[in-house]
Amino acid sequence: MKTKKEYKDRIVISPHVHFGKPCVAGTRIPVENVLELIQEGITFKEIVERYYPDLDIEDVKSCAKYATDLVKHEEVHIGAV
């Protein structure tokens, strides 16, 4: 089992892996793929057991935290009507 570490250490972006899309560190598993499974209501445990046995639950949580941080820091510009 992997040691617990910050989610920012678990998600990497490399121009050499999946055209620079964020992936789980040490794998070629895109964050996007994990988020799609979460969106379908699949539990974190099931994602690890049935879909991505190379991950652990902390990796799946890190994908969700990464997406949350993106939305949290997104700038939204609303024009006046």
Protein backbone atom coordinates (compact mmCIF):
# COMPACT_ATOMS: atom_id res chain seq x y z
CA MET A 1 0.00 0.00 0.00
CA LYS A 2 1.23 3.48 -0.83
CA THR A 3 2.07 5.91 1.93
CA LYS A 4 -0.36 8.74 2.58
CA LYS A 5 0.78 11.90 0.83
CA GLU A 6 -0.66 15.17 -0.39
CA TYR A 7 -2.97 14.86 -3.35
CA LYS A 8 -0.74 17.26 -5.25
CA ASP A 9 1.98 14.60 -5.07
CA ARG A 10 -0.42 11.98 -6.41
CA ILE A 11 -1.55 13.90 -9.52
CA VAL A 12 1.02 14.71 -12.18
CA ILE A 13 0.97 16.52 -15.49
CA SER A 14 3.58 15.57 -18.07
CA PRO A 15 3.63 16.47 -21.74
CA HIS A 16 4.87 12.91 -22.36
CA VAL A 17 1.84 11.17 -20.81
CA HIS A 18 -1.64 11.47 -22.34
CA PHE A 19 -0.75 14.74 -24.07
CA GLY A 20 -0.31 16.54 -20.77
CA LYS A 21 -3.62 15.55 -19.20
CA PRO A 22 -3.46 15.10 -15.42
CA CYS A 23 -2.80 11.48 -14.42
CA VAL A 24 -2.31 9.56 -11.20
CA ALA A 25 1.42 9.59 -10.40
CA GLY A 26 3.28 6.47 -11.40
CA THR A 27 0.50 5.38 -13.77
CA ARG A 28 -0.94 6.35 -17.12
CA ILE A 29 -4.44 6.59 -15.60
CA PRO A 30 -6.01 9.96 -16.41
CA VAL A 31 -7.80 11.81 -13.62
CA GLU A 32 -10.66 12.31 -16.08
CA ASN A 33 -11.29 8.55 -16.30
CA VAL A 34 -11.45 8.20 -12.51
CA LEU A 35 -13.81 11.19 -12.25
CA GLU A 36 -16.13 9.65 -14.83
CA LEU A 37 -16.44 6.53 -12.69
CA ILE A 38 -17.16 8.64 -9.61
CA GLN A 39 -19.80 10.52 -11.62
CA GLU A 40 -21.47 7.19 -12.43
CA GLY A 41 -21.87 6.55 -8.70
CA ILE A 42 -19.21 3.86 -8.48
CA THR A 43 -17.69 3.74 -5.01
CA PHE A 44 -14.04 4.53 -4.44
CA LYS A 45 -13.50 0.98 -3.19
CA GLU A 46 -15.09 -0.50 -6.32
CA ILE A 47 -13.02 1.78 -8.58
CA VAL A 48 -9.87 0.35 -7.00
CA GLU A 49 -11.05 -3.25 -6.90
CA ARG A 50 -12.77 -3.57 -10.31
CA TYR A 51 -11.34 -0.88 -12.57
CA TYR A 52 -7.92 0.29 -11.41
CA PRO A 53 -6.20 -2.17 -9.06
CA ASP A 54 -2.97 -0.19 -9.45
CA LEU A 55 -4.60 2.64 -7.48
CA ASP A 56 -5.54 2.88 -3.85
CA ILE A 57 -8.45 4.78 -2.34
CA GLU A 58 -6.22 7.78 -1.55
CA ASP A 59 -5.42 8.05 -5.27
CA VAL A 60 -9.13 8.15 -6.11
CA LYS A 61 -9.73 10.76 -3.40
CA SER A 62 -6.84 12.77 -4.84
CA CYS A 63 -8.55 12.85 -8.24
CA ALA A 64 -11.69 14.27 -6.63
CA LYS A 65 -9.69 16.80 -4.61
CA TYR A 66 -7.81 17.86 -7.75
CA ALA A 67 -11.09 18.54 -9.56
CA THR A 68 -12.47 20.41 -6.55
CA ASP A 69 -9.39 22.63 -6.43
CA LEU A 70 -9.73 23.42 -10.14
CA VAL A 71 -13.31 24.57 -9.67
CA LYS A 72 -12.48 26.42 -6.45
CA HIS A 73 -9.78 28.49 -8.17
CA GLU A 74 -11.60 29.00 -11.44
CA GLU A 75 -12.36 32.61 -12.31
CA VAL A 76 -15.88 33.19 -13.53
CA HIS A 77 -16.59 36.46 -15.31
CA ILE A 78 -20.25 37.39 -15.43
CA GLY A 79 -21.15 40.21 -17.76
CA ALA A 80 -23.68 42.82 -16.76
CA VAL A 81 -26.93 42.66 -18.72
